[in-house]
Amino acid sequence: MRKSAILASTLLFAGCSFINQADNESKNDSNLQGTPANQPVVYDTSYSSWDVASLKEGQWVQYEMKGQSARTKNACVKIEGNLVWVEMSTSGNDWVTLVAVDKSDRKVKKAYWG
């Protein structure tokens, strides 16, 4: 079990690249050092398991993880060409994350938070 958890963690971090949340000059920075723990982290594959091509503007889902009091709400706020804009907010946090996911490859192309 421990070996599979280590392997899964290694594959997760090896296959994912960090998308800079501040949309500054270092958009391709894959180094997480220096990122404060209270800032959200979005990977380009964060929404790869979603069927984003079928989303419609205004659709949303809210869920609560078992054993946690925080609720997360994801909402499709806009469809712009091949990009689906998804807003995510979690109760107990002071930020909202807005990501643009490509319909064809389901990768995050842009990400903002505030």
N, C-alpha and C. Protein backbone atom coordinates (compact mmCIF):
# COMPACT_ATOMS: atom_id res chain seq x y z
N MET A 1 0.83 -1.19 0.00
CA MET A 1 0.00 0.00 0.00
C MET A 1 0.87 1.25 0.00
N ARG A 2 1.93 1.22 0.82
CA ARG A 2 2.79 2.40 0.91
C ARG A 2 3.50 2.65 -0.42
N LYS A 3 3.94 1.56 -1.07
CA LYS A 3 4.63 1.71 -2.35
C LYS A 3 3.71 2.30 -3.40
N SER A 4 2.46 1.86 -3.40
CA SER A 4 1.52 2.39 -4.40
C SER A 4 1.20 3.85 -4.12
N ALA A 5 1.14 4.25 -2.86
CA ALA A 5 0.88 5.66 -2.52
C ALA A 5 2.06 6.53 -2.95
N ILE A 6 3.28 6.04 -2.73
CA ILE A 6 4.47 6.80 -3.13
C ILE A 6 4.52 6.90 -4.65
N LEU A 7 4.23 5.79 -5.35
CA LEU A 7 4.24 5.80 -6.80
C LEU A 7 3.18 6.75 -7.35
N ALA A 8 1.98 6.72 -6.77
CA ALA A 8 0.91 7.61 -7.23
C ALA A 8 1.29 9.07 -7.00
N SER A 9 1.87 9.37 -5.86
CA SER A 9 2.29 10.75 -5.57
C SER A 9 3.38 11.21 -6.54
N THR A 10 4.33 10.32 -6.81
CA THR A 10 5.41 10.66 -7.73
C THR A 10 4.87 10.92 -9.13
N LEU A 11 3.96 10.06 -9.60
CA LEU A 11 3.38 10.25 -10.92
C LEU A 11 2.56 11.53 -10.99
N LEU A 12 1.82 11.82 -9.92
CA LEU A 12 1.01 13.03 -9.89
C LEU A 12 1.87 14.28 -10.04
N PHE A 13 2.94 14.35 -9.26
CA PHE A 13 3.78 15.54 -9.30
C PHE A 13 4.65 15.58 -10.55
N ALA A 14 5.02 14.43 -11.08
CA ALA A 14 5.85 14.41 -12.29
C ALA A 14 5.04 14.80 -13.52
N GLY A 15 3.77 14.45 -13.54
CA GLY A 15 2.95 14.71 -14.72
C GLY A 15 2.25 16.05 -14.71
N CYS A 16 2.31 16.76 -13.64
CA CYS A 16 1.59 18.02 -13.52
C CYS A 16 2.57 19.20 -13.55
N SER A 17 2.15 20.28 -14.16
CA SER A 17 2.96 21.49 -14.10
C SER A 17 2.15 22.58 -13.42
N PHE A 18 2.83 23.41 -12.70
CA PHE A 18 2.20 24.48 -11.95
C PHE A 18 1.84 25.63 -12.88
N ILE A 19 0.63 26.14 -12.72
CA ILE A 19 0.22 27.31 -13.48
C ILE A 19 0.22 28.50 -12.52
N ASN A 20 0.98 29.48 -12.85
CA ASN A 20 1.13 30.65 -12.00
C ASN A 20 -0.19 31.37 -11.85
N GLN A 21 -0.60 31.61 -10.64
CA GLN A 21 -1.90 32.20 -10.35
C GLN A 21 -1.95 33.70 -10.60
N ALA A 22 -0.84 34.36 -10.55
CA ALA A 22 -0.85 35.82 -10.64
C ALA A 22 -0.78 36.34 -12.06
N ASP A 23 -0.68 35.47 -13.04
CA ASP A 23 -0.60 35.85 -14.46
C ASP A 23 0.49 36.88 -14.69
N ASN A 24 1.68 36.58 -14.14
CA ASN A 24 2.80 37.49 -14.36
C ASN A 24 3.76 36.91 -15.37
N GLU A 25 4.95 37.42 -15.44
CA GLU A 25 5.91 37.03 -16.46
C GLU A 25 6.38 35.59 -16.33
N SER A 26 6.26 34.99 -15.16
CA SER A 26 6.79 33.64 -14.95
C SER A 26 5.68 32.60 -15.05
N LYS A 27 4.90 32.64 -16.13
CA LYS A 27 3.79 31.72 -16.30
C LYS A 27 4.23 30.26 -16.39
N ASN A 28 5.44 29.99 -16.83
CA ASN A 28 5.90 28.62 -16.99
C ASN A 28 6.70 28.13 -15.79
N ASP A 29 6.63 28.80 -14.67
CA ASP A 29 7.37 28.43 -13.48
C ASP A 29 6.77 27.16 -12.88
N SER A 30 7.52 26.06 -12.87
CA SER A 30 7.02 24.82 -12.30
C SER A 30 7.59 24.59 -10.90
N ASN A 31 8.26 25.56 -10.35
CA ASN A 31 8.86 25.45 -9.04
C ASN A 31 7.88 25.97 -7.99
N LEU A 32 7.44 25.11 -7.09
CA LEU A 32 6.47 25.51 -6.08
C LEU A 32 7.12 26.17 -4.87
N GLN A 33 8.45 26.18 -4.78
CA GLN A 33 9.10 26.82 -3.66
C GLN A 33 8.80 28.31 -3.68
N GLY A 34 8.56 28.86 -2.53
CA GLY A 34 8.27 30.28 -2.44
C GLY A 34 6.79 30.59 -2.55
N THR A 35 5.95 29.59 -2.86
CA THR A 35 4.51 29.80 -2.90
C THR A 35 3.97 29.67 -1.49
N PRO A 36 3.39 30.73 -0.94
CA PRO A 36 2.84 30.65 0.41
C PRO A 36 1.78 29.55 0.50
N ALA A 37 1.73 28.89 1.64
CA ALA A 37 0.82 27.76 1.83
C ALA A 37 -0.65 28.16 1.74
N ASN A 38 -0.97 29.44 1.97
CA ASN A 38 -2.37 29.86 1.95
C ASN A 38 -2.86 30.25 0.56
N GLN A 39 -2.02 30.13 -0.47
CA GLN A 39 -2.43 30.46 -1.83
C GLN A 39 -2.82 29.19 -2.56
N PRO A 40 -3.84 29.26 -3.40
CA PRO A 40 -4.26 28.05 -4.13
C PRO A 40 -3.24 27.65 -5.18
N VAL A 41 -3.17 26.36 -5.44
CA VAL A 41 -2.30 25.83 -6.48
C VAL A 41 -3.19 25.12 -7.49
N VAL A 42 -3.01 25.43 -8.77
CA VAL A 42 -3.78 24.81 -9.84
C VAL A 42 -2.80 24.17 -10.80
N TYR A 43 -3.03 22.92 -11.12
CA TYR A 43 -2.20 22.20 -12.08
C TYR A 43 -2.91 22.19 -13.42
N ASP A 44 -2.15 22.03 -14.50
CA ASP A 44 -2.77 22.05 -15.82
C ASP A 44 -3.72 20.87 -16.01
N THR A 45 -3.60 19.83 -15.21
CA THR A 45 -4.48 18.67 -15.31
C THR A 45 -5.53 18.62 -14.20
N SER A 46 -5.71 19.73 -13.49
CA SER A 46 -6.65 19.75 -12.37
C SER A 46 -8.08 19.39 -12.78
N TYR A 47 -8.46 19.70 -14.01
CA TYR A 47 -9.83 19.46 -14.45
C TYR A 47 -9.88 18.39 -15.55
N SER A 48 -8.85 17.57 -15.66
CA SER A 48 -8.78 16.58 -16.74
C SER A 48 -9.83 15.48 -16.61
N SER A 49 -10.35 15.25 -15.42
CA SER A 49 -11.37 14.22 -15.25
C SER A 49 -12.79 14.76 -15.48
N TRP A 50 -12.91 16.05 -15.69
CA TRP A 50 -14.22 16.67 -15.94
C TRP A 50 -14.58 16.59 -17.41
N ASP A 51 -15.86 16.45 -17.69
CA ASP A 51 -16.35 16.52 -19.06
C ASP A 51 -16.74 17.97 -19.33
N VAL A 52 -15.73 18.82 -19.50
CA VAL A 52 -15.97 20.26 -19.62
C VAL A 52 -16.69 20.62 -20.92
N ALA A 53 -16.57 19.79 -21.94
CA ALA A 53 -17.22 20.09 -23.22
C ALA A 53 -18.74 20.07 -23.10
N SER A 54 -19.27 19.35 -22.12
CA SER A 54 -20.72 19.26 -21.97
C SER A 54 -21.29 20.32 -21.03
N LEU A 55 -20.44 21.13 -20.40
CA LEU A 55 -20.93 22.15 -19.47
C LEU A 55 -21.66 23.27 -20.20
N LYS A 56 -22.62 23.84 -19.52
CA LYS A 56 -23.37 24.99 -20.02
C LYS A 56 -23.18 26.14 -19.02
N GLU A 57 -23.20 27.36 -19.53
CA GLU A 57 -23.06 28.52 -18.65
C GLU A 57 -24.15 28.48 -17.58
N GLY A 58 -23.77 28.75 -16.36
CA GLY A 58 -24.71 28.79 -15.25
C GLY A 58 -24.82 27.48 -14.48
N GLN A 59 -24.31 26.39 -15.01
CA GLN A 59 -24.34 25.12 -14.27
C GLN A 59 -23.34 25.18 -13.13
N TRP A 60 -23.71 24.56 -12.02
CA TRP A 60 -22.81 24.55 -10.88
C TRP A 60 -23.04 23.29 -10.06
N VAL A 61 -22.08 22.96 -9.23
CA VAL A 61 -22.18 21.84 -8.31
C VAL A 61 -21.51 22.25 -7.01
N GLN A 62 -22.11 21.82 -5.90
CA GLN A 62 -21.53 22.10 -4.59
C GLN A 62 -21.38 20.77 -3.87
N TYR A 63 -20.25 20.55 -3.25
CA TYR A 63 -20.04 19.29 -2.55
C TYR A 63 -19.27 19.53 -1.26
N GLU A 64 -19.37 18.55 -0.38
CA GLU A 64 -18.69 18.60 0.91
C GLU A 64 -17.94 17.29 1.08
N MET A 65 -16.69 17.38 1.43
CA MET A 65 -15.88 16.18 1.64
C MET A 65 -16.24 15.56 2.98
N LYS A 66 -16.35 14.25 3.00
CA LYS A 66 -16.69 13.55 4.24
C LYS A 66 -15.62 13.81 5.30
N GLY A 67 -16.06 14.19 6.47
CA GLY A 67 -15.14 14.46 7.56
C GLY A 67 -14.61 15.89 7.59
N GLN A 68 -15.00 16.71 6.61
CA GLN A 68 -14.56 18.10 6.59
C GLN A 68 -15.79 19.00 6.59
N SER A 69 -15.65 20.16 7.19
CA SER A 69 -16.78 21.07 7.24
C SER A 69 -16.83 22.02 6.05
N ALA A 70 -15.75 22.10 5.29
CA ALA A 70 -15.70 23.04 4.16
C ALA A 70 -16.52 22.52 2.98
N ARG A 71 -17.22 23.42 2.32
CA ARG A 71 -17.97 23.10 1.11
C ARG A 71 -17.28 23.78 -0.08
N THR A 72 -17.23 23.09 -1.19
CA THR A 72 -16.64 23.62 -2.40
C THR A 72 -17.72 23.77 -3.45
N LYS A 73 -17.73 24.93 -4.12
CA LYS A 73 -18.69 25.16 -5.19
C LYS A 73 -17.93 25.44 -6.47
N ASN A 74 -18.28 24.72 -7.52
CA ASN A 74 -17.71 24.92 -8.85
C ASN A 74 -18.84 25.38 -9.76
N ALA A 75 -18.60 26.44 -10.51
CA ALA A 75 -19.63 26.98 -11.40
C ALA A 75 -19.04 27.28 -12.76
N CYS A 76 -19.75 26.90 -13.81
CA CYS A 76 -19.37 27.26 -15.18
C CYS A 76 -19.91 28.66 -15.42
N VAL A 77 -19.03 29.64 -15.46
CA VAL A 77 -19.49 31.03 -15.54
C VAL A 77 -19.51 31.58 -16.96
N LYS A 78 -18.71 30.97 -17.86
CA LYS A 78 -18.69 31.48 -19.23
C LYS A 78 -18.06 30.45 -20.16
N ILE A 79 -18.56 30.41 -21.38
CA ILE A 79 -17.96 29.60 -22.42
C ILE A 79 -17.53 30.57 -23.52
N GLU A 80 -16.25 30.57 -23.80
CA GLU A 80 -15.66 31.53 -24.73
C GLU A 80 -14.85 30.76 -25.76
N GLY A 81 -15.47 30.47 -26.91
CA GLY A 81 -14.78 29.68 -27.93
C GLY A 81 -14.55 28.27 -27.44
N ASN A 82 -13.29 27.87 -27.37
CA ASN A 82 -12.94 26.53 -26.91
C ASN A 82 -12.60 26.49 -25.42
N LEU A 83 -12.73 27.63 -24.73
CA LEU A 83 -12.43 27.70 -23.30
C LEU A 83 -13.70 27.71 -22.46
N VAL A 84 -13.68 26.93 -21.40
CA VAL A 84 -14.77 26.92 -20.43
C VAL A 84 -14.21 27.54 -19.15
N TRP A 85 -14.83 28.63 -18.70
CA TRP A 85 -14.38 29.32 -17.49
C TRP A 85 -15.12 28.75 -16.29
N VAL A 86 -14.37 28.21 -15.33
CA VAL A 86 -14.94 27.60 -14.14
C VAL A 86 -14.46 28.37 -12.92
N GLU A 87 -15.41 28.75 -12.08
CA GLU A 87 -15.10 29.45 -10.84
C GLU A 87 -15.23 28.47 -9.68
N MET A 88 -14.23 28.45 -8.81
CA MET A 88 -14.27 27.57 -7.66
C MET A 88 -14.11 28.37 -6.38
N SER A 89 -14.99 28.13 -5.44
CA SER A 89 -14.87 28.77 -4.14
C SER A 89 -15.07 27.72 -3.06
N THR A 90 -14.35 27.88 -1.97
CA THR A 90 -14.44 26.95 -0.85
C THR A 90 -14.75 27.74 0.41
N SER A 91 -15.75 27.27 1.16
CA SER A 91 -16.09 27.96 2.41
C SER A 91 -14.89 27.89 3.35
N GLY A 92 -14.66 28.95 4.07
CA GLY A 92 -13.53 29.01 4.98
C GLY A 92 -12.28 29.61 4.37
N ASN A 93 -12.27 29.81 3.05
CA ASN A 93 -11.14 30.45 2.37
C ASN A 93 -11.55 31.85 1.95
N ASP A 94 -10.55 32.71 1.83
CA ASP A 94 -10.82 34.10 1.46
C ASP A 94 -10.65 34.35 -0.02
N TRP A 95 -10.53 33.32 -0.85
CA TRP A 95 -10.29 33.53 -2.26
C TRP A 95 -11.26 32.75 -3.13
N VAL A 96 -11.31 33.17 -4.38
CA VAL A 96 -12.05 32.48 -5.43
C VAL A 96 -11.05 32.21 -6.54
N THR A 97 -11.10 31.03 -7.10
CA THR A 97 -10.21 30.67 -8.20
C THR A 97 -11.02 30.62 -9.48
N LEU A 98 -10.51 31.23 -10.54
CA LEU A 98 -11.15 31.22 -11.84
C LEU A 98 -10.18 30.58 -12.82
N VAL A 99 -10.61 29.50 -13.48
CA VAL A 99 -9.74 28.80 -14.42
C VAL A 99 -10.41 28.69 -15.78
N ALA A 100 -9.59 28.74 -16.82
CA ALA A 100 -10.07 28.52 -18.19
C ALA A 100 -9.56 27.15 -18.62
N VAL A 101 -10.52 26.25 -18.90
CA VAL A 101 -10.18 24.88 -19.28
C VAL A 101 -10.50 24.69 -20.76
N ASP A 102 -9.55 24.14 -21.50
CA ASP A 102 -9.75 23.87 -22.93
C ASP A 102 -10.67 22.66 -23.09
N LYS A 103 -11.68 22.80 -23.95
CA LYS A 103 -12.64 21.71 -24.15
C LYS A 103 -11.98 20.48 -24.77
N SER A 104 -11.03 20.68 -25.66
CA SER A 104 -10.47 19.55 -26.41
C SER A 104 -9.52 18.68 -25.58
N ASP A 105 -8.60 19.28 -24.84
CA ASP A 105 -7.64 18.46 -24.09
C ASP A 105 -7.87 18.51 -22.58
N ARG A 106 -8.85 19.29 -22.12
CA ARG A 106 -9.23 19.41 -20.69
C ARG A 106 -8.09 19.92 -19.81
N LYS A 107 -7.18 20.68 -20.39
CA LYS A 107 -6.09 21.25 -19.61
C LYS A 107 -6.39 22.70 -19.28
N VAL A 108 -5.94 23.11 -18.11
CA VAL A 108 -6.12 24.48 -17.66
C VAL A 108 -5.16 25.36 -18.46
N LYS A 109 -5.71 26.37 -19.12
CA LYS A 109 -4.90 27.28 -19.94
C LYS A 109 -4.59 28.59 -19.22
N LYS A 110 -5.53 29.03 -18.37
CA LYS A 110 -5.34 30.26 -17.59
C LYS A 110 -5.92 30.03 -16.20
N ALA A 111 -5.35 30.70 -15.23
CA ALA A 111 -5.87 30.60 -13.86
C ALA A 111 -5.63 31.90 -13.12
N TYR A 112 -6.63 32.33 -12.41
CA TYR A 112 -6.56 33.56 -11.62
C TYR A 112 -7.17 33.27 -10.25
N TRP A 113 -6.76 33.99 -9.26
CA TRP A 113 -7.39 33.89 -7.96
C TRP A 113 -7.37 35.24 -7.29
N GLY A 114 -8.27 35.42 -6.40
CA GLY A 114 -8.33 36.68 -5.68
C GLY A 114 -9.42 36.71 -4.65
